[in-house]
C-alpha atoms as a PDB file:
ATOM      1  CA  LEU A   1      -2.172 -10.841   3.684  1.00  0.00           C
ATOM      2  CA  ARG A   2      -4.334  -8.899   1.279  1.00  0.00           C
ATOM      3  CA  GLN A   3      -4.401 -10.031  -2.306  1.00  0.00           C
ATOM      4  CA  PHE A   4      -3.389  -7.331  -4.746  1.00  0.00           C
ATOM      5  CA  PRO A   5      -5.309  -6.967  -8.000  1.00  0.00           C
ATOM      6  CA  ARG A   6      -3.570  -8.725 -10.846  1.00  0.00           C
ATOM      7  CA  VAL A   7      -1.953  -6.139 -13.087  1.00  0.00           C
ATOM      8  CA  SER A   8      -0.251  -6.918 -16.375  1.00  0.00           C
ATOM      9  CA  ASP A   9       1.872  -3.763 -16.101  1.00  0.00           C
ATOM     10  CA  PRO A  10       4.637  -4.357 -13.508  1.00  0.00           C
ATOM     11  CA  GLU A  11       5.154  -0.616 -13.006  1.00  0.00           C
ATOM     12  CA  ASN A  12       1.467  -0.185 -12.232  1.00  0.00           C
ATOM     13  CA  SER A  13       1.434  -3.067  -9.750  1.00  0.00           C
ATOM     14  CA  PHE A  14       4.559  -1.625  -8.109  1.00  0.00           C
ATOM     15  CA  SER A  15       2.889   1.768  -7.688  1.00  0.00           C
ATOM     16  CA  VAL A  16      -0.173   0.031  -6.223  1.00  0.00           C
ATOM     17  CA  LEU A  17       2.086  -1.776  -3.767  1.00  0.00           C
ATOM     18  CA  ARG A  18       3.868   1.458  -2.846  1.00  0.00           C
ATOM     19  CA  SER A  19       0.622   3.368  -2.313  1.00  0.00           C
ATOM     20  CA  THR A  20      -0.715   0.530  -0.154  1.00  0.00           C
ATOM     21  CA  ILE A  21       2.439   0.598   1.974  1.00  0.00           C
ATOM     22  CA  ALA A  22       2.172   4.395   2.240  1.00  0.00           C
ATOM     23  CA  GLY A  23      -1.442   4.068   3.405  1.00  0.00           C
ATOM     24  CA  ASN A  24      -0.435   1.514   6.037  1.00  0.00           C
ATOM     25  CA  ASN A  25       2.361   3.784   7.262  1.00  0.00           C
ATOM     26  CA  ARG A  26      -0.019   6.748   7.561  1.00  0.00           C
ATOM     27  CA  ARG A  27      -2.495   4.653   9.544  1.00  0.00           C
ATOM     28  CA  HIS A  28       0.320   3.438  11.773  1.00  0.00           C
ATOM     29  CA  GLU A  29       1.459   7.002  12.457  1.00  0.00           C
ATOM     30  CA  LYS A  30      -2.087   8.018  13.352  1.00  0.00           C
ATOM     31  CA  GLU A  31      -2.416   5.155  15.824  1.00  0.00           C
ATOM     32  CA  GLY A  32       0.958   5.969  17.363  1.00  0.00           C
ATOM     33  CA  LYS A  33       0.127   9.650  17.845  1.00  0.00           C
ATOM     34  CA  THR A  34      -3.264   9.092  19.459  1.00  0.00           C
END
C-alpha cells in the first residue's frame, strides 16, 4: 500500500484519497480496454 501524505485537514486528505482512487480506476479501465 502507498503511504498518503499526512494532512491535518481531513477534508483535504479525503479528496486526495478520492483522486487517487479515481486515478487507479482510470488506469484500470485503460488496461481493460487495451
